[in-house]
Amino acid sequence: MKKSPFKFAVIITLIVVVLLVAIFLLNNKDTANEGDGEQAEITKQPSIEGQPVMGDENAPVTIVEFGDFMCPACKTWGQNHLQQLMEDYVDTGKVKFSFINVLFHGEESKLGSLAAESILKQNPDAYWDFHNALFNAQPDENKEWMTTDKLLEIAEDIPEIDSEKLKSSLKDESEIAELSKDTELVKDYGIELTPSIMVNGKMIEDPFNYEQITNAINKALEEEK
C-alpha cells in the first residue's frame, strides 16, 4: 500500500515540534542552574514605604524579610541571623532591614501582625522591641498562644507602648489596611515559605545559610559603588 504524503508530512512535523520543545526545556533547565547558587530569580525590590525599617535609611543595601510571627522557622532565623546581621551590616550603616507580614497561620498571624502594625504607628521606636519580644514569646511546642491578653502582657513590659491604645486598636482592627498591603506583596512576590529573605531585590535560596546572605550583601555593596 502506498503511504500518503500528507500523513508522512504530519509525522515529520510532530517529530520536529517534539524535538524543539525538548531543546527549549533543556536550555531553560541549564539557565536555571547557572550561577553560584546564592540567589534565586532576580526581581524588583519590594517597596518598604510604610514598613518597619531598622538601620540607616540611606544605607545602600536593603534586606527584606517576609515573615510570620507564628512561624517557628522565623523565630529561629531571627535568633541565629538577624542579630549577627545587625552587628555586621546594619549597625555599620551598610544595610537597612525591613519586615513584611505574612499571614500563613490564619487568625493568630493576623492578630500578632495587627498588634505590631499598631505599635509601629503608635511609636516606631518601640516596634522592634515588640517584634523581638513577640518572637521570643513563641512557645517551642505547637499550640495556640497568640491572644489579645498575651499581646497586651508583652506590650506592658515595654514602657514606650501605650497598652490601652493597643487594646483599642486590636478591637477595631484599625491597621487592617496595612495587613492587606502586605498580603498583596506576598502574592506579588510569590512568597510560599517563611522566612523569605531578599537582598536588594534578589531572593536568597537558603535563608539559613549566612554565607549566602553575606555574599549577596557584599555583591550588592560592590554594585552600589
Foldseek 3Di string as FASTA:
>chain_A
DDDDPVVVVVVVVVVVVVVVVVVVVVVVVVVQPDDDQFFHDFDADDDCVLFQKAADPPALKEKEWAAFLQDLVQLVLCVPPVVVCCVPARVVRNYMYTYFYDQPPPPLSLLLVLLLSQCCVQPSVCNVVLVNLSSVPHDPDDDDDRDLVVSLVSQVVRVSDDSVSSSVCSVVVVVVVSNVVSVVVCVVVVDDDPTWMDMNRTTTPDSVPNVSVVVSSVVSSVVVD
